[in-house]
């Protein structure tokens, strides 16, 4: 992210949706569950996106399909609590990203970088 000069923006987006704790988890993990989660994770942003838009975050764990809003996901994973999720501060914290943003291209650039 540093090489692409996007570190500040990405960290700000992560912080704004309440996921900073997720990226700092330092506990043993069940590799099979982590792989299942990551390989099935999808973020489907509707045109009228809000943090409480349903079925935005989709993934599978232990064979069960999950379809959650950003708020439901953040509360379920313990990134925020329900009280904070209903505050104007949180509800107004979401940032948008460019319609030209291509996560696959970004991933390829990051993973094949010689930096």
PDB file of N, CA and C in Angstrom:
ATOM      1  N   UNK A   1       0.824  -1.183   0.000  1.00  0.00           N
ATOM      2  CA  UNK A   1       0.000   0.000   0.000  1.00  0.00           C
ATOM      3  C   UNK A   1       0.871   1.250   0.000  1.00  0.00           C
ATOM      4  N   UNK A   2       1.997   1.163   0.677  1.00  0.00           N
ATOM      5  CA  UNK A   2       2.908   2.297   0.718  1.00  0.00           C
ATOM      6  C   UNK A   2       3.436   2.589  -0.678  1.00  0.00           C
ATOM      7  N   UNK A   3       3.826   1.528  -1.414  1.00  0.00           N
ATOM      8  CA  UNK A   3       4.377   1.702  -2.757  1.00  0.00           C
ATOM      9  C   UNK A   3       3.369   2.356  -3.701  1.00  0.00           C
ATOM     10  N   UNK A   4       2.086   2.086  -3.486  1.00  0.00           N
ATOM     11  CA  UNK A   4       1.041   2.670  -4.327  1.00  0.00           C
ATOM     12  C   UNK A   4       0.514   3.994  -3.781  1.00  0.00           C
ATOM     13  N   UNK A   5       1.059   4.412  -2.629  1.00  0.00           N
ATOM     14  CA  UNK A   5       0.652   5.658  -1.985  1.00  0.00           C
ATOM     15  C   UNK A   5      -0.844   5.661  -1.627  1.00  0.00           C
ATOM     16  N   UNK A   6      -1.337   4.521  -1.170  1.00  0.00           N
ATOM     17  CA  UNK A   6      -2.757   4.422  -0.804  1.00  0.00           C
ATOM     18  C   UNK A   6      -2.947   4.001   0.652  1.00  0.00           C
ATOM     19  N   UNK A   7      -1.860   3.866   1.386  1.00  0.00           N
ATOM     20  CA  UNK A   7      -1.950   3.365   2.752  1.00  0.00           C
ATOM     21  C   UNK A   7      -2.895   4.193   3.611  1.00  0.00           C
ATOM     22  N   UNK A   8      -2.755   5.505   3.600  1.00  0.00           N
ATOM     23  CA  UNK A   8      -3.597   6.376   4.422  1.00  0.00           C
ATOM     24  C   UNK A   8      -5.069   6.218   4.048  1.00  0.00           C
ATOM     25  N   UNK A   9      -5.364   6.200   2.751  1.00  0.00           N
ATOM     26  CA  UNK A   9      -6.756   6.070   2.303  1.00  0.00           C
ATOM     27  C   UNK A   9      -7.358   4.731   2.698  1.00  0.00           C
ATOM     28  N   UNK A  10      -6.613   3.653   2.521  1.00  0.00           N
ATOM     29  CA  UNK A  10      -7.123   2.323   2.852  1.00  0.00           C
ATOM     30  C   UNK A  10      -7.336   2.204   4.357  1.00  0.00           C
ATOM     31  N   UNK A  11      -6.374   2.658   5.138  1.00  0.00           N
ATOM     32  CA  UNK A  11      -6.514   2.595   6.596  1.00  0.00           C
ATOM     33  C   UNK A  11      -7.677   3.449   7.078  1.00  0.00           C
ATOM     34  N   UNK A  12      -7.909   4.579   6.438  1.00  0.00           N
ATOM     35  CA  UNK A  12      -9.050   5.432   6.781  1.00  0.00           C
ATOM     36  C   UNK A  12     -10.363   4.726   6.479  1.00  0.00           C
ATOM     37  N   UNK A  13     -10.443   4.070   5.325  1.00  0.00           N
ATOM     38  CA  UNK A  13     -11.664   3.325   4.975  1.00  0.00           C
ATOM     39  C   UNK A  13     -11.910   2.193   5.970  1.00  0.00           C
ATOM     40  N   UNK A  14     -10.861   1.465   6.311  1.00  0.00           N
ATOM     41  CA  UNK A  14     -10.979   0.368   7.274  1.00  0.00           C
ATOM     42  C   UNK A  14     -11.455   0.901   8.616  1.00  0.00           C
ATOM     43  N   UNK A  15     -10.883   2.003   9.044  1.00  0.00           N
ATOM     44  CA  UNK A  15     -11.263   2.613  10.314  1.00  0.00           C
ATOM     45  C   UNK A  15     -12.705   3.109  10.273  1.00  0.00           C
ATOM     46  N   UNK A  16     -13.115   3.740   9.177  1.00  0.00           N
ATOM     47  CA  UNK A  16     -14.454   4.311   9.072  1.00  0.00           C
ATOM     48  C   UNK A  16     -15.564   3.273   9.127  1.00  0.00           C
ATOM     49  N   UNK A  17     -15.310   2.063   8.649  1.00  0.00           N
ATOM     50  CA  UNK A  17     -16.355   1.039   8.720  1.00  0.00           C
ATOM     51  C   UNK A  17     -16.204   0.143   9.940  1.00  0.00           C
ATOM     52  N   UNK A  18     -15.217   0.441  10.796  1.00  0.00           N
ATOM     53  CA  UNK A  18     -15.087  -0.271  12.059  1.00  0.00           C
ATOM     54  C   UNK A  18     -14.294  -1.564  11.995  1.00  0.00           C
ATOM     55  N   UNK A  19     -13.468  -1.749  10.981  1.00  0.00           N
ATOM     56  CA  UNK A  19     -12.764  -3.021  10.815  1.00  0.00           C
ATOM     57  C   UNK A  19     -11.313  -2.983  11.287  1.00  0.00           C
ATOM     58  N   UNK A  20     -10.865  -1.893  11.930  1.00  0.00           N
ATOM     59  CA  UNK A  20      -9.463  -1.806  12.334  1.00  0.00           C
ATOM     60  C   UNK A  20      -9.087  -2.941  13.287  1.00  0.00           C
ATOM     61  N   UNK A  21      -9.988  -3.360  14.156  1.00  0.00           N
ATOM     62  CA  UNK A  21      -9.682  -4.469  15.074  1.00  0.00           C
ATOM     63  C   UNK A  21      -9.489  -5.782  14.324  1.00  0.00           C
ATOM     64  N   UNK A  22     -10.209  -5.967  13.237  1.00  0.00           N
ATOM     65  CA  UNK A  22     -10.100  -7.190  12.445  1.00  0.00           C
ATOM     66  C   UNK A  22      -8.690  -7.355  11.889  1.00  0.00           C
ATOM     67  N   UNK A  23      -8.087  -6.272  11.466  1.00  0.00           N
ATOM     68  CA  UNK A  23      -6.773  -6.342  10.842  1.00  0.00           C
ATOM     69  C   UNK A  23      -5.636  -6.421  11.859  1.00  0.00           C
ATOM     70  N   UNK A  24      -5.976  -6.341  13.137  1.00  0.00           N
ATOM     71  CA  UNK A  24      -4.927  -6.446  14.152  1.00  0.00           C
ATOM     72  C   UNK A  24      -5.103  -7.679  15.039  1.00  0.00           C
ATOM     73  N   UNK A  25      -5.941  -8.620  14.640  1.00  0.00           N
ATOM     74  CA  UNK A  25      -6.147  -9.848  15.405  1.00  0.00           C
ATOM     75  C   UNK A  25      -4.851 -10.659  15.400  1.00  0.00           C
ATOM     76  N   UNK A  26      -4.429 -11.088  16.592  1.00  0.00           N
ATOM     77  CA  UNK A  26      -3.197 -11.862  16.698  1.00  0.00           C
ATOM     78  C   UNK A  26      -3.441 -13.084  17.577  1.00  0.00           C
ATOM     79  N   UNK A  27      -4.352 -13.941  17.139  1.00  0.00           N
ATOM     80  CA  UNK A  27      -4.678 -15.162  17.857  1.00  0.00           C
ATOM     81  C   UNK A  27      -4.560 -16.345  16.897  1.00  0.00           C
ATOM     82  N   UNK A  28      -4.394 -17.546  17.454  1.00  0.00           N
ATOM     83  CA  UNK A  28      -4.385 -18.720  16.575  1.00  0.00           C
ATOM     84  C   UNK A  28      -5.699 -18.813  15.795  1.00  0.00           C
ATOM     85  N   UNK A  29      -5.634 -19.334  14.586  1.00  0.00           N
ATOM     86  CA  UNK A  29      -6.824 -19.439  13.741  1.00  0.00           C
ATOM     87  C   UNK A  29      -6.937 -20.844  13.167  1.00  0.00           C
ATOM     88  N   UNK A  30      -8.144 -21.235  12.839  1.00  0.00           N
ATOM     89  CA  UNK A  30      -8.387 -22.490  12.149  1.00  0.00           C
ATOM     90  C   UNK A  30      -8.276 -22.210  10.657  1.00  0.00           C
ATOM     91  N   UNK A  31      -7.196 -22.665  10.059  1.00  0.00           N
ATOM     92  CA  UNK A  31      -6.880 -22.352   8.666  1.00  0.00           C
ATOM     93  C   UNK A  31      -8.037 -22.685   7.726  1.00  0.00           C
ATOM     94  N   UNK A  32      -8.702 -23.823   7.938  1.00  0.00           N
ATOM     95  CA  UNK A  32      -9.794 -24.220   7.053  1.00  0.00           C
ATOM     96  C   UNK A  32     -10.942 -23.213   7.097  1.00  0.00           C
ATOM     97  N   UNK A  33     -11.267 -22.712   8.297  1.00  0.00           N
ATOM     98  CA  UNK A  33     -12.340 -21.720   8.419  1.00  0.00           C
ATOM     99  C   UNK A  33     -11.933 -20.391   7.789  1.00  0.00           C
ATOM    100  N   UNK A  34     -10.696 -19.999   7.994  1.00  0.00           N
ATOM    101  CA  UNK A  34     -10.205 -18.750   7.409  1.00  0.00           C
ATOM    102  C   UNK A  34     -10.258 -18.840   5.889  1.00  0.00           C
ATOM    103  N   UNK A  35      -9.805 -19.941   5.337  1.00  0.00           N
ATOM    104  CA  UNK A  35      -9.836 -20.120   3.878  1.00  0.00           C
ATOM    105  C   UNK A  35     -11.260 -20.109   3.349  1.00  0.00           C
ATOM    106  N   UNK A  36     -12.161 -20.805   4.048  1.00  0.00           N
ATOM    107  CA  UNK A  36     -13.560 -20.825   3.601  1.00  0.00           C
ATOM    108  C   UNK A  36     -14.137 -19.414   3.620  1.00  0.00           C
ATOM    109  N   UNK A  37     -13.860 -18.673   4.681  1.00  0.00           N
ATOM    110  CA  UNK A  37     -14.356 -17.299   4.796  1.00  0.00           C
ATOM    111  C   UNK A  37     -13.820 -16.430   3.655  1.00  0.00           C
ATOM    112  N   UNK A  38     -12.498 -16.419   3.485  1.00  0.00           N
ATOM    113  CA  UNK A  38     -11.892 -15.558   2.457  1.00  0.00           C
ATOM    114  C   UNK A  38     -12.278 -15.964   1.034  1.00  0.00           C
ATOM    115  N   UNK A  39     -12.385 -17.242   0.757  1.00  0.00           N
ATOM    116  CA  UNK A  39     -12.692 -17.663  -0.608  1.00  0.00           C
ATOM    117  C   UNK A  39     -14.147 -17.448  -0.977  1.00  0.00           C
ATOM    118  N   UNK A  40     -15.004 -17.253   0.011  1.00  0.00           N
ATOM    119  CA  UNK A  40     -16.422 -17.050  -0.287  1.00  0.00           C
ATOM    120  C   UNK A  40     -16.886 -15.629   0.012  1.00  0.00           C
ATOM    121  N   UNK A  41     -16.010 -14.796   0.578  1.00  0.00           N
ATOM    122  CA  UNK A  41     -16.379 -13.434   0.959  1.00  0.00           C
ATOM    123  C   UNK A  41     -16.680 -12.593  -0.274  1.00  0.00           C
ATOM    124  N   UNK A  42     -17.818 -11.884  -0.221  1.00  0.00           N
ATOM    125  CA  UNK A  42     -18.186 -10.951  -1.290  1.00  0.00           C
ATOM    126  C   UNK A  42     -18.748  -9.691  -0.671  1.00  0.00           C
ATOM    127  N   UNK A  43     -18.432  -8.571  -1.272  1.00  0.00           N
ATOM    128  CA  UNK A  43     -19.017  -7.291  -0.897  1.00  0.00           C
ATOM    129  C   UNK A  43     -19.794  -6.811  -2.098  1.00  0.00           C
ATOM    130  N   UNK A  44     -21.099  -6.752  -1.959  1.00  0.00           N
ATOM    131  CA  UNK A  44     -21.962  -6.368  -3.080  1.00  0.00           C
ATOM    132  C   UNK A  44     -22.602  -5.020  -2.759  1.00  0.00           C
ATOM    133  N   UNK A  45     -21.997  -3.980  -3.281  1.00  0.00           N
ATOM    134  CA  UNK A  45     -22.448  -2.624  -2.980  1.00  0.00           C
ATOM    135  C   UNK A  45     -23.584  -2.207  -3.912  1.00  0.00           C
ATOM    136  N   UNK A  46     -24.777  -1.969  -3.341  1.00  0.00           N
ATOM    137  CA  UNK A  46     -25.879  -1.478  -4.170  1.00  0.00           C
ATOM    138  C   UNK A  46     -25.684   0.009  -4.483  1.00  0.00           C
ATOM    139  N   UNK A  47     -26.392   0.507  -5.466  1.00  0.00           N
ATOM    140  CA  UNK A  47     -26.265   1.920  -5.837  1.00  0.00           C
ATOM    141  C   UNK A  47     -26.646   2.840  -4.690  1.00  0.00           C
ATOM    142  N   UNK A  48     -27.644   2.463  -3.923  1.00  0.00           N
ATOM    143  CA  UNK A  48     -28.107   3.294  -2.809  1.00  0.00           C
ATOM    144  C   UNK A  48     -27.517   2.807  -1.481  1.00  0.00           C
ATOM    145  N   UNK A  49     -26.242   2.492  -1.481  1.00  0.00           N
ATOM    146  CA  UNK A  49     -25.563   1.887  -0.337  1.00  0.00           C
ATOM    147  C   UNK A  49     -25.652   2.729   0.925  1.00  0.00           C
ATOM    148  N   UNK A  50     -25.966   2.042   2.015  1.00  0.00           N
ATOM    149  CA  UNK A  50     -25.902   2.600   3.360  1.00  0.00           C
ATOM    150  C   UNK A  50     -25.313   1.503   4.234  1.00  0.00           C
ATOM    151  N   UNK A  51     -24.813   1.860   5.400  1.00  0.00           N
ATOM    152  CA  UNK A  51     -24.222   0.859   6.284  1.00  0.00           C
ATOM    153  C   UNK A  51     -25.214  -0.222   6.694  1.00  0.00           C
ATOM    154  N   UNK A  52     -26.519   0.109   6.662  1.00  0.00           N
ATOM    155  CA  UNK A  52     -27.529  -0.894   7.024  1.00  0.00           C
ATOM    156  C   UNK A  52     -28.195  -1.538   5.818  1.00  0.00           C
ATOM    157  N   UNK A  53     -27.639  -1.332   4.617  1.00  0.00           N
ATOM    158  CA  UNK A  53     -28.181  -2.008   3.425  1.00  0.00           C
ATOM    159  C   UNK A  53     -28.061  -3.518   3.615  1.00  0.00           C
ATOM    160  N   UNK A  54     -29.143  -4.262   3.413  1.00  0.00           N
ATOM    161  CA  UNK A  54     -29.088  -5.717   3.649  1.00  0.00           C
ATOM    162  C   UNK A  54     -28.286  -6.452   2.582  1.00  0.00           C
ATOM    163  N   UNK A  55     -27.756  -7.603   2.966  1.00  0.00           N
ATOM    164  CA  UNK A  55     -27.106  -8.555   2.068  1.00  0.00           C
ATOM    165  C   UNK A  55     -25.910  -7.969   1.310  1.00  0.00           C
ATOM    166  N   UNK A  56     -25.191  -7.050   1.935  1.00  0.00           N
ATOM    167  CA  UNK A  56     -24.032  -6.435   1.300  1.00  0.00           C
ATOM    168  C   UNK A  56     -22.797  -7.306   1.487  1.00  0.00           C
ATOM    169  N   UNK A  57     -22.631  -7.858   2.681  1.00  0.00           N
ATOM    170  CA  UNK A  57     -21.502  -8.732   2.993  1.00  0.00           C
ATOM    171  C   UNK A  57     -22.006 -10.172   2.953  1.00  0.00           C
ATOM    172  N   UNK A  58     -21.395 -10.971   2.087  1.00  0.00           N
ATOM    173  CA  UNK A  58     -21.811 -12.366   1.948  1.00  0.00           C
ATOM    174  C   UNK A  58     -20.598 -13.270   2.079  1.00  0.00           C
ATOM    175  N   UNK A  59     -20.768 -14.371   2.800  1.00  0.00           N
ATOM    176  CA  UNK A  59     -19.687 -15.333   2.976  1.00  0.00           C
ATOM    177  C   UNK A  59     -20.271 -16.641   3.502  1.00  0.00           C
ATOM    178  N   UNK A  60     -19.431 -17.660   3.541  1.00  0.00           N
ATOM    179  CA  UNK A  60     -19.835 -18.966   4.059  1.00  0.00           C
ATOM    180  C   UNK A  60     -18.855 -19.380   5.149  1.00  0.00           C
ATOM    181  N   UNK A  61     -19.389 -19.966   6.216  1.00  0.00           N
ATOM    182  CA  UNK A  61     -18.584 -20.541   7.295  1.00  0.00           C
ATOM    183  C   UNK A  61     -19.204 -21.859   7.712  1.00  0.00           C
ATOM    184  N   UNK A  62     -18.377 -22.892   7.762  1.00  0.00           N
ATOM    185  CA  UNK A  62     -18.828 -24.239   8.127  1.00  0.00           C
ATOM    186  C   UNK A  62     -20.016 -24.675   7.263  1.00  0.00           C
ATOM    187  N   UNK A  63     -19.987 -24.274   5.999  1.00  0.00           N
ATOM    188  CA  UNK A  63     -21.017 -24.652   5.049  1.00  0.00           C
ATOM    189  C   UNK A  63     -22.282 -23.823   5.111  1.00  0.00           C
ATOM    190  N   UNK A  64     -22.379 -22.890   6.047  1.00  0.00           N
ATOM    191  CA  UNK A  64     -23.586 -22.057   6.182  1.00  0.00           C
ATOM    192  C   UNK A  64     -23.364 -20.716   5.499  1.00  0.00           C
ATOM    193  N   UNK A  65     -24.345 -20.304   4.705  1.00  0.00           N
ATOM    194  CA  UNK A  65     -24.273 -19.024   4.001  1.00  0.00           C
ATOM    195  C   UNK A  65     -24.723 -17.887   4.922  1.00  0.00           C
ATOM    196  N   UNK A  66     -23.999 -16.777   4.879  1.00  0.00           N
ATOM    197  CA  UNK A  66     -24.342 -15.591   5.651  1.00  0.00           C
ATOM    198  C   UNK A  66     -24.490 -14.412   4.701  1.00  0.00           C
ATOM    199  N   UNK A  67     -25.522 -13.601   4.918  1.00  0.00           N
ATOM    200  CA  UNK A  67     -25.791 -12.403   4.137  1.00  0.00           C
ATOM    201  C   UNK A  67     -26.127 -11.287   5.117  1.00  0.00           C
ATOM    202  N   UNK A  68     -25.223 -10.340   5.273  1.00  0.00           N
ATOM    203  CA  UNK A  68     -25.378  -9.335   6.312  1.00  0.00           C
ATOM    204  C   UNK A  68     -25.167  -7.925   5.779  1.00  0.00           C
ATOM    205  N   UNK A  69     -25.699  -6.960   6.510  1.00  0.00           N
ATOM    206  CA  UNK A  69     -25.349  -5.565   6.252  1.00  0.00           C
ATOM    207  C   UNK A  69     -23.974  -5.318   6.875  1.00  0.00           C
ATOM    208  N   UNK A  70     -23.366  -4.188   6.553  1.00  0.00           N
ATOM    209  CA  UNK A  70     -22.086  -3.838   7.176  1.00  0.00           C
ATOM    210  C   UNK A  70     -22.265  -3.750   8.695  1.00  0.00           C
ATOM    211  N   UNK A  71     -23.361  -3.145   9.138  1.00  0.00           N
ATOM    212  CA  UNK A  71     -23.607  -3.019  10.579  1.00  0.00           C
ATOM    213  C   UNK A  71     -23.738  -4.393  11.220  1.00  0.00           C
ATOM    214  N   UNK A  72     -24.540  -5.276  10.645  1.00  0.00           N
ATOM    215  CA  UNK A  72     -24.705  -6.624  11.207  1.00  0.00           C
ATOM    216  C   UNK A  72     -23.367  -7.366  11.258  1.00  0.00           C
ATOM    217  N   UNK A  73     -22.580  -7.243  10.198  1.00  0.00           N
ATOM    218  CA  UNK A  73     -21.274  -7.892  10.143  1.00  0.00           C
ATOM    219  C   UNK A  73     -20.365  -7.350  11.245  1.00  0.00           C
ATOM    220  N   UNK A  74     -20.292  -6.028  11.372  1.00  0.00           N
ATOM    221  CA  UNK A  74     -19.425  -5.418  12.364  1.00  0.00           C
ATOM    222  C   UNK A  74     -19.831  -5.785  13.788  1.00  0.00           C
ATOM    223  N   UNK A  75     -21.126  -5.833  14.065  1.00  0.00           N
ATOM    224  CA  UNK A  75     -21.600  -6.213  15.401  1.00  0.00           C
ATOM    225  C   UNK A  75     -21.319  -7.696  15.650  1.00  0.00           C
ATOM    226  N   UNK A  76     -21.620  -8.541  14.667  1.00  0.00           N
ATOM    227  CA  UNK A  76     -21.417  -9.989  14.828  1.00  0.00           C
ATOM    228  C   UNK A  76     -19.952 -10.329  15.089  1.00  0.00           C
ATOM    229  N   UNK A  77     -19.035  -9.621  14.441  1.00  0.00           N
ATOM    230  CA  UNK A  77     -17.608  -9.899  14.608  1.00  0.00           C
ATOM    231  C   UNK A  77     -16.995  -9.118  15.769  1.00  0.00           C
ATOM    232  N   UNK A  78     -17.804  -8.294  16.442  1.00  0.00           N
ATOM    233  CA  UNK A  78     -17.331  -7.569  17.614  1.00  0.00           C
ATOM    234  C   UNK A  78     -16.516  -6.334  17.307  1.00  0.00           C
ATOM    235  N   UNK A  79     -16.592  -5.818  16.084  1.00  0.00           N
ATOM    236  CA  UNK A  79     -15.837  -4.626  15.723  1.00  0.00           C
ATOM    237  C   UNK A  79     -16.467  -3.372  16.320  1.00  0.00           C
ATOM    238  N   UNK A  80     -17.780  -3.389  16.449  1.00  0.00           N
ATOM    239  CA  UNK A  80     -18.528  -2.306  17.087  1.00  0.00           C
ATOM    240  C   UNK A  80     -19.628  -2.949  17.919  1.00  0.00           C
ATOM    241  N   UNK A  81     -20.221  -2.169  18.822  1.00  0.00           N
ATOM    242  CA  UNK A  81     -21.363  -2.696  19.564  1.00  0.00           C
ATOM    243  C   UNK A  81     -22.649  -2.084  19.004  1.00  0.00           C
ATOM    244  N   UNK A  82     -23.777  -2.664  19.371  1.00  0.00           N
ATOM    245  CA  UNK A  82     -25.062  -2.212  18.817  1.00  0.00           C
ATOM    246  C   UNK A  82     -25.365  -0.762  19.165  1.00  0.00           C
ATOM    247  N   UNK A  83     -24.953  -0.325  20.352  1.00  0.00           N
ATOM    248  CA  UNK A  83     -25.191   1.061  20.757  1.00  0.00           C
ATOM    249  C   UNK A  83     -24.473   2.024  19.822  1.00  0.00           C
ATOM    250  N   UNK A  84     -23.190   1.769  19.575  1.00  0.00           N
ATOM    251  CA  UNK A  84     -22.419   2.638  18.682  1.00  0.00           C
ATOM    252  C   UNK A  84     -22.953   2.559  17.248  1.00  0.00           C
ATOM    253  N   UNK A  85     -23.417   1.384  16.839  1.00  0.00           N
ATOM    254  CA  UNK A  85     -23.928   1.191  15.472  1.00  0.00           C
ATOM    255  C   UNK A  85     -25.119   2.091  15.166  1.00  0.00           C
ATOM    256  N   UNK A  86     -25.826   2.537  16.194  1.00  0.00           N
ATOM    257  CA  UNK A  86     -27.011   3.374  15.968  1.00  0.00           C
ATOM    258  C   UNK A  86     -26.718   4.869  16.105  1.00  0.00           C
ATOM    259  N   UNK A  87     -25.458   5.221  16.339  1.00  0.00           N
ATOM    260  CA  UNK A  87     -25.129   6.647  16.487  1.00  0.00           C
ATOM    261  C   UNK A  87     -24.947   7.315  15.134  1.00  0.00           C
ATOM    262  N   UNK A  88     -25.211   8.613  15.092  1.00  0.00           N
ATOM    263  CA  UNK A  88     -24.996   9.382  13.863  1.00  0.00           C
ATOM    264  C   UNK A  88     -23.524   9.370  13.466  1.00  0.00           C
ATOM    265  N   UNK A  89     -22.639   9.391  14.464  1.00  0.00           N
ATOM    266  CA  UNK A  89     -21.201   9.361  14.167  1.00  0.00           C
ATOM    267  C   UNK A  89     -20.859   8.146  13.307  1.00  0.00           C
ATOM    268  N   UNK A  90     -21.343   6.983  13.688  1.00  0.00           N
ATOM    269  CA  UNK A  90     -21.043   5.773  12.917  1.00  0.00           C
ATOM    270  C   UNK A  90     -21.805   5.753  11.596  1.00  0.00           C
ATOM    271  N   UNK A  91     -23.090   6.061  11.638  1.00  0.00           N
ATOM    272  CA  UNK A  91     -23.915   5.986  10.432  1.00  0.00           C
ATOM    273  C   UNK A  91     -23.455   6.952   9.347  1.00  0.00           C
ATOM    274  N   UNK A  92     -22.803   8.035   9.728  1.00  0.00           N
ATOM    275  CA  UNK A  92     -22.314   9.019   8.753  1.00  0.00           C
ATOM    276  C   UNK A  92     -20.831   8.850   8.427  1.00  0.00           C
ATOM    277  N   UNK A  93     -20.222   7.748   8.889  1.00  0.00           N
ATOM    278  CA  UNK A  93     -18.784   7.587   8.728  1.00  0.00           C
ATOM    279  C   UNK A  93     -18.363   6.857   7.457  1.00  0.00           C
ATOM    280  N   UNK A  94     -19.291   6.275   6.733  1.00  0.00           N
ATOM    281  CA  UNK A  94     -18.928   5.497   5.546  1.00  0.00           C
ATOM    282  C   UNK A  94     -18.382   6.408   4.454  1.00  0.00           C
ATOM    283  N   UNK A  95     -17.310   5.964   3.834  1.00  0.00           N
ATOM    284  CA  UNK A  95     -16.722   6.678   2.702  1.00  0.00           C
ATOM    285  C   UNK A  95     -17.058   5.905   1.433  1.00  0.00           C
ATOM    286  N   UNK A  96     -17.132   6.589   0.358  1.00  0.00           N
ATOM    287  CA  UNK A  96     -17.369   5.920  -0.914  1.00  0.00           C
ATOM    288  C   UNK A  96     -16.032   5.736  -1.616  1.00  0.00           C
ATOM    289  N   UNK A  97     -16.015   4.840  -2.573  1.00  0.00           N
ATOM    290  CA  UNK A  97     -14.811   4.666  -3.375  1.00  0.00           C
ATOM    291  C   UNK A  97     -15.171   4.896  -4.829  1.00  0.00           C
ATOM    292  N   UNK A  98     -14.178   5.166  -5.618  1.00  0.00           N
ATOM    293  CA  UNK A  98     -14.377   5.504  -7.020  1.00  0.00           C
ATOM    294  C   UNK A  98     -15.099   4.386  -7.756  1.00  0.00           C
ATOM    295  N   UNK A  99     -15.964   4.753  -8.678  1.00  0.00           N
ATOM    296  CA  UNK A  99     -16.645   3.752  -9.500  1.00  0.00           C
ATOM    297  C   UNK A  99     -15.660   3.019 -10.402  1.00  0.00           C
ATOM    298  N   UNK A 100     -14.466   3.556 -10.550  1.00  0.00           N
ATOM    299  CA  UNK A 100     -13.433   2.931 -11.378  1.00  0.00           C
ATOM    300  C   UNK A 100     -12.505   2.017 -10.579  1.00  0.00           C
ATOM    301  N   UNK A 101     -12.756   1.894  -9.276  1.00  0.00           N
ATOM    302  CA  UNK A 101     -11.933   1.047  -8.412  1.00  0.00           C
ATOM    303  C   UNK A 101     -12.067  -0.409  -8.833  1.00  0.00           C
ATOM    304  N   UNK A 102     -10.943  -1.070  -9.063  1.00  0.00           N
ATOM    305  CA  UNK A 102     -10.928  -2.474  -9.466  1.00  0.00           C
ATOM    306  C   UNK A 102     -10.088  -3.260  -8.463  1.00  0.00           C
ATOM    307  N   UNK A 103     -10.727  -3.919  -7.480  1.00  0.00           N
ATOM    308  CA  UNK A 103      -9.967  -4.610  -6.442  1.00  0.00           C
ATOM    309  C   UNK A 103      -9.054  -5.710  -6.973  1.00  0.00           C
ATOM    310  N   UNK A 104      -9.451  -6.402  -8.027  1.00  0.00           N
ATOM    311  CA  UNK A 104      -8.612  -7.474  -8.566  1.00  0.00           C
ATOM    312  C   UNK A 104      -7.310  -6.895  -9.118  1.00  0.00           C
ATOM    313  N   UNK A 105      -7.406  -5.795  -9.833  1.00  0.00           N
ATOM    314  CA  UNK A 105      -6.209  -5.153 -10.373  1.00  0.00           C
ATOM    315  C   UNK A 105      -5.306  -4.661  -9.250  1.00  0.00           C
ATOM    316  N   UNK A 106      -5.905  -4.100  -8.205  1.00  0.00           N
ATOM    317  CA  UNK A 106      -5.119  -3.637  -7.068  1.00  0.00           C
ATOM    318  C   UNK A 106      -4.418  -4.813  -6.407  1.00  0.00           C
ATOM    319  N   UNK A 107      -5.129  -5.904  -6.191  1.00  0.00           N
ATOM    320  CA  UNK A 107      -4.526  -7.084  -5.570  1.00  0.00           C
ATOM    321  C   UNK A 107      -3.353  -7.602  -6.409  1.00  0.00           C
ATOM    322  N   UNK A 108      -3.554  -7.680  -7.717  1.00  0.00           N
ATOM    323  CA  UNK A 108      -2.474  -8.160  -8.597  1.00  0.00           C
ATOM    324  C   UNK A 108      -1.259  -7.243  -8.510  1.00  0.00           C
ATOM    325  N   UNK A 109      -1.503  -5.944  -8.491  1.00  0.00           N
ATOM    326  CA  UNK A 109      -0.387  -4.997  -8.411  1.00  0.00           C
ATOM    327  C   UNK A 109       0.355  -5.141  -7.081  1.00  0.00           C
ATOM    328  N   UNK A 110      -0.393  -5.329  -6.007  1.00  0.00           N
ATOM    329  CA  UNK A 110       0.223  -5.461  -4.690  1.00  0.00           C
ATOM    330  C   UNK A 110       0.964  -6.779  -4.557  1.00  0.00           C
ATOM    331  N   UNK A 111       0.397  -7.842  -5.085  1.00  0.00           N
ATOM    332  CA  UNK A 111       0.979  -9.168  -4.871  1.00  0.00           C
ATOM    333  C   UNK A 111       2.125  -9.480  -5.840  1.00  0.00           C
ATOM    334  N   UNK A 112       2.266  -8.718  -6.894  1.00  0.00           N
ATOM    335  CA  UNK A 112       3.355  -8.975  -7.845  1.00  0.00           C
ATOM    336  C   UNK A 112       4.391  -7.860  -7.820  1.00  0.00           C
ATOM    337  N   UNK A 113       4.238  -6.936  -6.894  1.00  0.00           N
ATOM    338  CA  UNK A 113       5.174  -5.818  -6.788  1.00  0.00           C
ATOM    339  C   UNK A 113       6.549  -6.307  -6.376  1.00  0.00           C
ATOM    340  N   UNK A 114       7.578  -5.685  -6.918  1.00  0.00           N
ATOM    341  CA  UNK A 114       8.957  -6.023  -6.562  1.00  0.00           C
ATOM    342  C   UNK A 114       9.483  -5.163  -5.430  1.00  0.00           C
ATOM    343  N   UNK A 115       8.609  -4.425  -4.758  1.00  0.00           N
ATOM    344  CA  UNK A 115       9.027  -3.518  -3.670  1.00  0.00           C
ATOM    345  C   UNK A 115       9.209  -4.271  -2.398  1.00  0.00           C
TER     346      UNK A 115
END
